[in-house]
Amino acid sequence: MTYISRYRGPMTDTTDSPAPDGSTTTARILVGVDESEHCARAFDIALSLAQRRGWSLRLVAAYDLPPYDFEAGDQILGSFRDMASAEARKPLDDMVEQAEAAGVPVSADVQEGNAAQVLIRESEEAALAVVGKRGRNRFAGRFLGSVSGALAAHSACPTLVIPAKWDAEASEALFAPRQDLPGGEAAATEPAELVSASGAEREDRRAFENVAEALNFDGDVIAAVDLGESSGPVAARAAEYAAITGRALTLVAAVPITVGTRFPYPGQGALEVRSMHEYRAEHLTWMTGTIREKHPDLEVHWRLFDGSPAGVLSEATRTAALVVLGTRGHGGFSGLLLGSVSQSVLSRTVSPVLVVPTQNA
């Protein structure tokens, strides 16, 4: 599917783009495995997605050896390698059994090496990578902060990050129907003002005492949209996941127009701000119509904010079912190469976040 933007030219959806040999992208979900409960949660999500899409699973565990000790000798190092490999393999057998019982094709492997490098390499043969996240900016077990940033920034396929508190009430649930809405330190601290939005939205949207109405996306899939070519793949992926989960899709754009802006003449400033708002609102309206053409049964809305992209999207994760980001952006979402915006959202997220590579978009 190709989006033709009146602003930035072609925006291509690379969801099912051909591989170098002419075949379509490998329909395989990569899961980074360790013995933590966070990994188990990521596996459950990956298994559910594989069932819904008819894809296979690729389970990969990794272990590192300590610096080579010449005095210890090859025999001791070999023994350590055997123990490390056996420890890393422990959770794989049960996961393979679950996948086979669910009728999902599955392969599993234990590899020696840095976890980030192993997963990045494996992502070249995958359609999606799924990993668990623990706490603030930390991944479970072997998949700590450096691995999360490296995988999301350098993966050849989209990376779905599942946060620690995201608990499904039923094993068949793709995304949890409820979530813990944080307060205190985790609450929003960056101001944002809703500039404009599409027409009437869902009537069944719940209200939350600690969530502003404009930033309440109760159960929607959110797509972070800008005016650049990266919007195509991001919106297309978000529409896919909204369709297969039966959720509404909301396109969100955030631009800090009035923050730090100085105009020599107040009247000129008001005209410039209104022009920029209208410019983006027209683009969001056009993109909404384009998505509806491909997904006529999908409920699609959009919202435009004057505020920090990182703040708006981080706040959106408190009520959304899924937030979809690109790894490269323009305009209001500049720096999405796992830079200030993406890293900020991943470190504070409450909902799952899908990071989509768009370098070649």
Protein backbone atom coordinates (compact mmCIF):
# COMPACT_ATOMS: atom_id res chain seq x y z
CA MET A 1 0.00 0.00 0.00
CA THR A 2 1.37 3.44 -0.91
CA TYR A 3 0.24 6.67 0.71
CA ILE A 4 0.62 9.77 -1.48
CA SER A 5 0.92 12.82 0.74
CA ARG A 6 0.24 16.27 -0.66
CA TYR A 7 2.90 17.53 1.76
CA ARG A 8 5.85 15.18 1.67
CA GLY A 9 5.44 12.89 -1.32
CA PRO A 10 5.12 9.09 -1.19
CA MET A 11 4.68 7.39 2.18
CA THR A 12 5.05 3.67 1.72
CA ASP A 13 3.65 0.94 3.92
CA THR A 14 6.41 -1.69 4.06
CA THR A 15 4.39 -4.17 6.10
CA ASP A 16 4.60 -6.91 3.48
CA SER A 17 7.44 -5.59 1.36
CA PRO A 18 9.39 -8.05 -0.79
CA ALA A 19 12.64 -9.52 0.45
CA PRO A 20 15.77 -9.28 -1.72
CA ASP A 21 14.97 -12.66 -3.27
CA GLY A 22 11.50 -11.49 -4.28
CA SER A 23 9.60 -13.32 -1.52
CA THR A 24 7.53 -11.52 1.13
CA THR A 25 8.84 -10.72 4.60
CA THR A 26 9.31 -13.81 6.75
CA ALA A 27 6.15 -14.34 8.83
CA ARG A 28 8.04 -15.06 12.04
CA ILE A 29 7.80 -13.50 15.51
CA LEU A 30 11.08 -13.30 17.42
CA VAL A 31 10.91 -13.56 21.22
CA GLY A 32 13.88 -12.87 23.49
CA VAL A 33 13.73 -15.52 26.23
CA ASP A 34 14.90 -15.74 29.83
CA GLU A 35 13.35 -17.13 33.02
CA SER A 36 11.59 -13.98 34.18
CA GLU A 37 7.85 -13.40 34.49
CA HIS A 38 8.26 -10.42 32.16
CA CYS A 39 9.56 -12.70 29.42
CA ALA A 40 6.62 -15.03 30.05
CA ARG A 41 4.23 -12.12 29.53
CA ALA A 42 5.95 -11.19 26.27
CA PHE A 43 5.73 -14.80 25.12
CA ASP A 44 1.98 -14.92 25.82
CA ILE A 45 1.46 -11.81 23.69
CA ALA A 46 3.68 -13.19 20.91
CA LEU A 47 1.83 -16.51 20.93
CA SER A 48 -1.53 -14.75 20.69
CA LEU A 49 -0.33 -12.65 17.76
CA ALA A 50 1.10 -15.71 16.01
CA GLN A 51 -2.25 -17.48 16.32
CA ARG A 52 -4.20 -14.51 15.00
CA ARG A 53 -1.90 -13.89 12.05
CA GLY A 54 -0.91 -17.44 11.17
CA TRP A 55 2.75 -16.68 11.85
CA SER A 56 5.46 -18.84 13.41
CA LEU A 57 7.50 -18.22 16.56
CA ARG A 58 11.28 -18.00 16.91
CA LEU A 59 12.40 -18.27 20.55
CA VAL A 60 15.96 -17.18 21.27
CA ALA A 61 17.90 -17.25 24.54
CA ALA A 62 21.41 -15.82 24.85
CA TYR A 63 24.23 -16.06 27.35
CA ASP A 64 27.61 -14.38 27.74
CA LEU A 65 30.86 -16.00 28.84
CA PRO A 66 33.15 -14.22 31.31
CA PRO A 67 36.50 -12.87 30.06
CA TYR A 68 38.77 -15.76 29.10
CA ASP A 69 40.97 -16.86 31.97
CA PHE A 70 44.07 -18.56 30.57
CA GLU A 71 44.95 -19.99 33.99
CA ALA A 72 41.54 -21.63 34.30
CA GLY A 73 42.00 -23.49 31.01
CA ASP A 74 39.68 -24.67 28.28
CA GLN A 75 38.13 -27.42 30.39
CA ILE A 76 36.76 -25.08 33.06
CA LEU A 77 35.63 -22.59 30.44
CA GLY A 78 33.89 -25.41 28.60
CA SER A 79 32.13 -26.48 31.78
CA PHE A 80 30.94 -22.92 32.36
CA ARG A 81 29.66 -22.74 28.78
CA ASP A 82 27.70 -25.96 29.25
CA MET A 83 26.13 -24.71 32.49
CA ALA A 84 25.29 -21.28 31.04
CA SER A 85 23.74 -22.86 27.96
CA ALA A 86 21.69 -25.30 30.04
CA GLU A 87 20.45 -22.47 32.29
CA ALA A 88 19.45 -20.34 29.31
CA ARG A 89 17.60 -23.27 27.74
CA LYS A 90 15.38 -23.98 30.79
CA PRO A 91 12.37 -21.84 29.83
CA LEU A 92 12.47 -22.83 26.16
CA ASP A 93 11.07 -26.36 26.47
CA ASP A 94 7.88 -25.22 28.19
CA MET A 95 7.35 -22.40 25.68
CA VAL A 96 7.87 -24.75 22.73
CA GLU A 97 5.33 -27.13 24.25
CA GLN A 98 2.78 -24.31 24.65
CA ALA A 99 3.27 -23.14 21.07
CA GLU A 100 2.90 -26.65 19.66
CA ALA A 101 -0.27 -27.20 21.71
CA ALA A 102 -1.66 -23.98 20.23
CA GLY A 103 -0.86 -25.18 16.70
CA VAL A 104 1.80 -22.51 16.12
CA PRO A 105 4.99 -23.51 14.27
CA VAL A 106 7.93 -22.83 16.56
CA SER A 107 11.72 -23.02 16.59
CA ALA A 108 14.04 -22.37 19.54
CA ASP A 109 17.74 -21.75 19.95
CA VAL A 110 20.32 -20.88 22.60
CA GLN A 111 23.15 -18.70 21.36
CA GLU A 112 26.38 -17.56 22.92
CA GLY A 113 26.94 -13.84 22.73
CA ASN A 114 25.67 -10.42 23.69
CA ALA A 115 21.87 -10.50 23.97
CA ALA A 116 21.37 -7.28 22.01
CA GLN A 117 23.60 -8.37 19.16
CA VAL A 118 21.97 -11.80 19.03
CA LEU A 119 18.45 -10.38 18.86
CA ILE A 120 19.37 -7.69 16.33
CA ARG A 121 20.89 -10.35 14.08
CA GLU A 122 17.84 -12.60 14.47
CA SER A 123 15.51 -9.68 13.68
CA GLU A 124 16.71 -9.75 10.07
CA GLU A 125 14.66 -12.92 9.56
CA ALA A 126 11.62 -11.83 11.56
CA ALA A 127 8.44 -9.84 10.91
CA LEU A 128 8.17 -8.77 14.56
CA ALA A 129 10.28 -8.89 17.73
CA VAL A 130 8.57 -9.04 21.14
CA VAL A 131 10.34 -8.33 24.45
CA GLY A 132 9.28 -7.74 28.04
CA LYS A 133 10.07 -4.58 29.99
CA ARG A 134 10.61 -4.33 33.74
CA GLY A 135 10.27 -1.14 35.76
CA ARG A 136 11.46 2.18 34.44
CA ASN A 137 13.80 1.81 31.48
CA ARG A 138 14.81 -1.74 32.36
CA PHE A 139 14.20 -5.06 30.64
CA ALA A 140 13.72 -8.31 32.49
CA GLY A 141 16.54 -10.70 33.21
CA ARG A 142 19.29 -10.51 30.61
CA PHE A 143 17.41 -7.89 28.59
CA LEU A 144 18.39 -4.75 30.49
CA GLY A 145 18.26 -1.13 29.41
CA SER A 146 21.12 -1.24 26.92
CA VAL A 147 19.52 -4.22 25.16
CA SER A 148 16.12 -2.56 24.94
CA GLY A 149 17.53 0.58 23.38
CA ALA A 150 19.79 -1.33 21.01
CA LEU A 151 17.06 -3.70 19.82
CA ALA A 152 14.40 -1.02 19.31
CA ALA A 153 16.86 1.30 17.55
CA HIS A 154 18.62 -1.27 15.35
CA SER A 155 16.12 -4.08 14.81
CA ALA A 156 15.40 -4.87 11.17
CA CYS A 157 11.75 -5.47 12.08
CA PRO A 158 9.24 -3.71 14.36
CA THR A 159 9.82 -4.25 18.09
CA LEU A 160 6.88 -4.68 20.48
CA VAL A 161 7.77 -3.77 24.08
CA ILE A 162 5.49 -5.18 26.81
CA PRO A 163 5.76 -3.32 30.16
CA ALA A 164 5.83 -5.08 33.51
CA LYS A 165 2.40 -4.03 34.80
CA TRP A 166 0.54 -4.99 31.65
CA ASP A 167 -1.41 -8.03 32.87
CA ALA A 168 -3.89 -9.90 30.70
CA GLU A 169 -6.90 -11.30 32.53
CA ALA A 170 -7.26 -14.16 30.06
CA SER A 171 -4.65 -16.16 28.19
CA GLU A 172 -6.30 -15.43 24.84
CA ALA A 173 -6.22 -11.65 25.35
CA LEU A 174 -3.78 -9.86 23.09
CA PHE A 175 -3.69 -6.66 25.10
CA ALA A 176 -4.99 -6.33 28.63
CA PRO A 177 -8.54 -4.98 28.94
CA ARG A 178 -7.53 -2.99 32.02
CA GLN A 179 -4.42 -1.32 33.31
CA ASP A 180 -2.93 0.43 36.29
CA LEU A 181 -3.26 4.18 35.75
CA PRO A 182 -0.29 5.71 37.56
CA GLY A 183 -0.17 8.83 39.66
CA GLY A 184 2.55 10.68 41.53
CA GLU A 185 5.93 10.37 39.87
CA ALA A 186 4.55 8.50 36.87
CA ALA A 187 1.83 11.05 36.17
CA ALA A 188 2.16 13.55 33.34
CA THR A 189 4.36 16.55 34.10
CA GLU A 190 4.53 18.19 30.67
CA PRO A 191 1.69 20.53 29.64
CA ALA A 192 -0.24 19.87 26.44
CA GLU A 193 -3.23 21.58 24.89
CA LEU A 194 -5.65 19.94 22.46
CA VAL A 195 -5.72 22.17 19.38
CA SER A 196 -8.22 20.28 17.22
CA ALA A 197 -9.63 16.81 16.70
CA SER A 198 -11.79 14.80 14.32
CA GLY A 199 -15.54 14.55 14.88
CA ALA A 200 -17.48 12.64 17.51
CA GLU A 201 -15.55 9.78 19.14
CA ARG A 202 -16.52 6.62 20.97
CA GLU A 203 -19.46 7.00 23.31
CA ASP A 204 -18.28 4.15 25.55
CA ARG A 205 -14.98 5.81 26.49
CA ARG A 206 -14.41 5.60 30.25
CA ALA A 207 -13.36 8.62 32.30
CA PHE A 208 -10.47 8.57 34.79
CA GLU A 209 -9.98 10.99 37.66
CA ASN A 210 -6.24 11.39 37.05
CA VAL A 211 -6.36 11.60 33.24
CA ALA A 212 -7.30 14.77 31.35
CA GLU A 213 -10.21 14.25 28.95
CA ALA A 214 -8.14 15.37 25.94
CA LEU A 215 -5.46 12.81 26.77
CA ASN A 216 -7.79 9.92 27.48
CA PHE A 217 -7.50 7.25 24.77
CA ASP A 218 -9.28 4.50 26.70
CA GLY A 219 -8.28 1.28 24.93
CA ASP A 220 -7.41 2.82 21.53
CA VAL A 221 -4.41 2.01 19.37
CA ILE A 222 -2.36 5.21 18.97
CA ALA A 223 -0.23 6.10 15.94
CA ALA A 224 2.36 8.87 16.36
CA VAL A 225 2.03 10.92 13.17
CA ASP A 226 4.09 13.73 11.67
CA LEU A 227 4.26 15.32 8.22
CA GLY A 228 7.11 13.15 6.97
CA GLU A 229 7.34 9.92 5.03
CA SER A 230 7.69 7.89 8.23
CA SER A 231 3.97 8.43 8.89
CA GLY A 232 2.96 5.86 6.27
CA PRO A 233 4.52 2.75 7.82
CA VAL A 234 3.64 3.86 11.36
CA ALA A 235 -0.03 4.52 10.58
CA ALA A 236 -0.30 1.33 8.50
CA ARG A 237 1.10 -0.82 11.31
CA ALA A 238 -1.15 0.85 13.85
CA ALA A 239 -4.19 0.28 11.62
CA GLU A 240 -3.25 -3.40 11.29
CA TYR A 241 -3.12 -3.94 15.02
CA ALA A 242 -6.30 -1.97 15.62
CA ALA A 243 -8.09 -4.12 13.04
CA ILE A 244 -6.92 -7.49 14.35
CA THR A 245 -7.72 -6.54 17.96
CA GLY A 246 -11.05 -4.87 17.23
CA ARG A 247 -9.99 -1.53 18.69
CA ALA A 248 -10.37 2.05 17.51
CA LEU A 249 -7.38 3.84 15.98
CA THR A 250 -6.39 7.40 16.92
CA LEU A 251 -3.74 9.32 14.99
CA VAL A 252 -1.87 11.69 17.30
CA ALA A 253 0.33 14.62 16.32
CA ALA A 254 2.04 16.86 18.86
CA VAL A 255 4.01 19.99 18.03
CA PRO A 256 5.25 22.48 20.65
CA ILE A 257 4.32 25.47 18.47
CA THR A 258 3.80 28.05 21.21
CA VAL A 259 6.71 26.84 23.38
CA GLY A 260 9.80 28.99 22.85
CA THR A 261 8.31 30.69 19.77
CA ARG A 262 8.92 34.42 19.40
CA PHE A 263 7.30 36.59 16.75
CA PRO A 264 8.27 40.24 16.19
CA TYR A 265 4.62 41.17 15.64
CA PRO A 266 1.82 39.57 17.74
CA GLY A 267 -0.64 39.63 14.83
CA GLN A 268 1.84 37.83 12.60
CA GLY A 269 2.43 35.24 15.31
CA ALA A 270 -1.27 34.45 15.62
CA LEU A 271 -1.56 33.98 11.85
CA GLU A 272 1.54 31.78 11.71
CA VAL A 273 0.33 29.56 14.57
CA ARG A 274 -3.13 29.17 13.02
CA SER A 275 -1.57 28.33 9.66
CA MET A 276 0.64 25.65 11.19
CA HIS A 277 -2.30 24.14 13.04
CA GLU A 278 -4.46 24.08 9.91
CA TYR A 279 -1.61 22.59 7.91
CA ARG A 280 -1.33 19.62 10.26
CA ALA A 281 -5.07 19.21 10.75
CA GLU A 282 -5.55 18.91 6.98
CA HIS A 283 -2.83 16.26 6.85
CA LEU A 284 -4.42 14.26 9.69
CA THR A 285 -7.82 14.47 8.00
CA TRP A 286 -6.35 13.24 4.72
CA MET A 287 -4.51 10.38 6.40
CA THR A 288 -7.64 9.33 8.30
CA GLY A 289 -9.55 9.09 5.02
CA THR A 290 -6.73 7.09 3.42
CA ILE A 291 -6.76 4.56 6.26
CA ARG A 292 -10.54 4.22 6.10
CA GLU A 293 -10.29 3.33 2.42
CA LYS A 294 -8.11 0.32 3.29
CA HIS A 295 -9.96 -0.53 6.54
CA PRO A 296 -13.61 0.48 5.96
CA ASP A 297 -14.78 -1.20 9.18
CA LEU A 298 -12.11 0.45 11.35
CA GLU A 299 -13.07 3.34 13.64
CA VAL A 300 -10.44 6.05 13.02
CA HIS A 301 -9.99 9.41 14.76
CA TRP A 302 -7.25 12.02 15.09
CA ARG A 303 -6.08 14.58 17.66
CA LEU A 304 -3.63 17.45 17.28
CA PHE A 305 -1.83 18.79 20.35
CA ASP A 306 0.28 21.84 21.07
CA GLY A 307 2.87 20.36 23.40
CA SER A 308 5.86 18.08 23.79
CA PRO A 309 5.62 14.91 21.65
CA ALA A 310 7.33 12.90 24.41
CA GLY A 311 4.92 14.23 27.02
CA VAL A 312 1.78 13.67 24.94
CA LEU A 313 2.74 10.13 23.88
CA SER A 314 3.93 9.12 27.36
CA GLU A 315 0.63 10.31 28.77
CA ALA A 316 -1.22 8.45 26.01
CA THR A 317 0.33 5.16 27.16
CA ARG A 318 -1.54 5.46 30.44
CA THR A 319 -4.89 4.68 28.78
CA ALA A 320 -4.07 3.35 25.28
CA ALA A 321 -3.99 -0.33 24.35
CA LEU A 322 -0.91 0.21 22.17
CA VAL A 323 1.22 3.17 21.07
CA VAL A 324 3.00 2.90 17.70
CA LEU A 325 6.13 5.01 17.08
CA GLY A 326 8.54 5.35 14.20
CA THR A 327 12.31 5.16 14.60
CA ARG A 328 12.86 8.18 12.39
CA GLY A 329 10.71 11.29 12.25
CA HIS A 330 10.43 14.86 10.98
CA GLY A 331 8.74 18.00 12.16
CA GLY A 332 7.10 17.63 15.56
CA PHE A 333 8.36 14.08 15.99
CA SER A 334 12.00 14.71 15.13
CA GLY A 335 14.59 12.63 16.91
CA LEU A 336 12.69 9.35 16.87
CA LEU A 337 15.84 7.29 16.26
CA LEU A 338 15.38 6.06 19.81
CA GLY A 339 16.39 9.56 20.79
CA SER A 340 14.67 11.97 23.14
CA VAL A 341 11.07 11.11 22.18
CA SER A 342 11.19 7.35 21.74
CA GLN A 343 13.51 6.71 24.65
CA SER A 344 11.39 8.93 26.87
CA VAL A 345 8.19 7.11 25.91
CA LEU A 346 9.75 3.67 26.36
CA SER A 347 11.15 4.58 29.77
CA ARG A 348 7.79 5.84 31.04
CA THR A 349 5.32 3.66 29.17
CA VAL A 350 2.40 1.93 30.84
CA SER A 351 0.98 0.31 27.70
CA PRO A 352 2.74 -1.81 25.06
CA VAL A 353 4.76 0.24 22.57
CA LEU A 354 5.49 -0.84 18.98
CA VAL A 355 8.64 0.74 17.54
CA VAL A 356 8.62 0.63 13.72
CA PRO A 357 11.83 1.03 11.67
CA THR A 358 11.23 3.74 9.07
CA GLN A 359 14.79 4.64 7.99
CA ASN A 360 14.04 3.68 4.41
CA ALA A 361 10.50 5.01 4.30
